[in-house]
Every structure is written in structure tokens, then in C-alpha cells.
Amino acid sequence: VIGLGNIGKQYEGTRHNTGFAAVDFYAKENDFPDWQEKPKFKAIVTEDFVAGKKIILAKPTTLYNLSGESVRALKDFYKLANRDILVIHDELDLPFDTVKSKLGGGSAGSNGLKSIISHIGEDFKRIRIGIKNEMLEKMDPADFVLSKFTKQEADKLQTLMADIATKL
């Protein structure tokens, strides 16, 4: 399970780091071991067994737009099929508070997904977390995805993360 985001204090709590927030929530709820940086994967990783199944959680340490490098390294090392890979990411085209799952598809303009698709193909599972609100119309999309959630949205995020955790 790969959560997309950007490493660094300046990105914490931003819309683009929703994937990181989801895997952090899941790791905490399921008492995973501490995260460890794994340079060979270009990621911070934790792994454990949940209901008898090995789960590897990863947060790429590349920039969001280069996430495919990390996904490829994880896929090759663990000998994963694309159907075994789940990417959790923010979705600019979905309204905030919307969570959708899908298998395969294009990038929908996401450079992070473009990177992953270029490295492994498009037939991996995704959980798409809607981040769109009325502010998007007033901002450049690149600035919007790096903006923080409103207070009301931030309050609702924990409920969203709990919902996403049930889908893993």
C-alpha cells in the first residue's frame, strides 16, 4: 500500500499529502512498527501482518511527481504483481469528502500517477480521495494541491481516514 505525498514539514497537512495521512492512520490504528527509511526503495516503510496477511505500507521519499521510482523498486524487490499494489492519492476532480476505489485507468492529470504508470503500467488498484472545494476555482491547481485543508475539512479528515482504513 503506497500513500502518495511529499516529504518535509512544509507539506504536512496539505491536500497533496492525503495519501501519506491515510497510510499513517492505518499504521497507527493497526499498531504497525515504527516507520523506517529504506533508501533502496526510495521510501519510508513499515510492514506487519493484519488478519494473517502481510501488509507493506510505503511513503515515497521522492517528490510526489516521481513516485513511480519508489513503486517500481518495491514491486521488483517484493516480486509483486500490479494487482497486489494499492496506491492511495488525492484526487483533484473529486469533491472533498469523496472516496472512490478503482482498478487501473489513466492519470487524470496527476503527475504522481503518470510517474507510476510509466514505471509499472496502469493496472494497479487505487483509492482516490477527493480534495476539491470552491477555492480551486480561485487558485492555480498546483498551488491548490499544496494548500492546507480548511478547519472544517481537517475536522472531517479523521472520519475519512477511518473509512479508507476499512478498504485496505
Foldseek 3Di string as FASTA:
>chain_A
DEFFFEDDPLQPQFLFRLRVVLLVLLCVVVVWDDWDDDVLLQWTWTWDDDPNRIDIYTYHHPHLLQLLSNVLSVCVVVVHAQQVDEYEGEDAVDAAPDKDKDFFDQDNPRSNRVNNCVNHNGGHIYIYGYDYDPCPVVDPVVVRRSDHDDPVSVVCSVVVSVVVSVVD
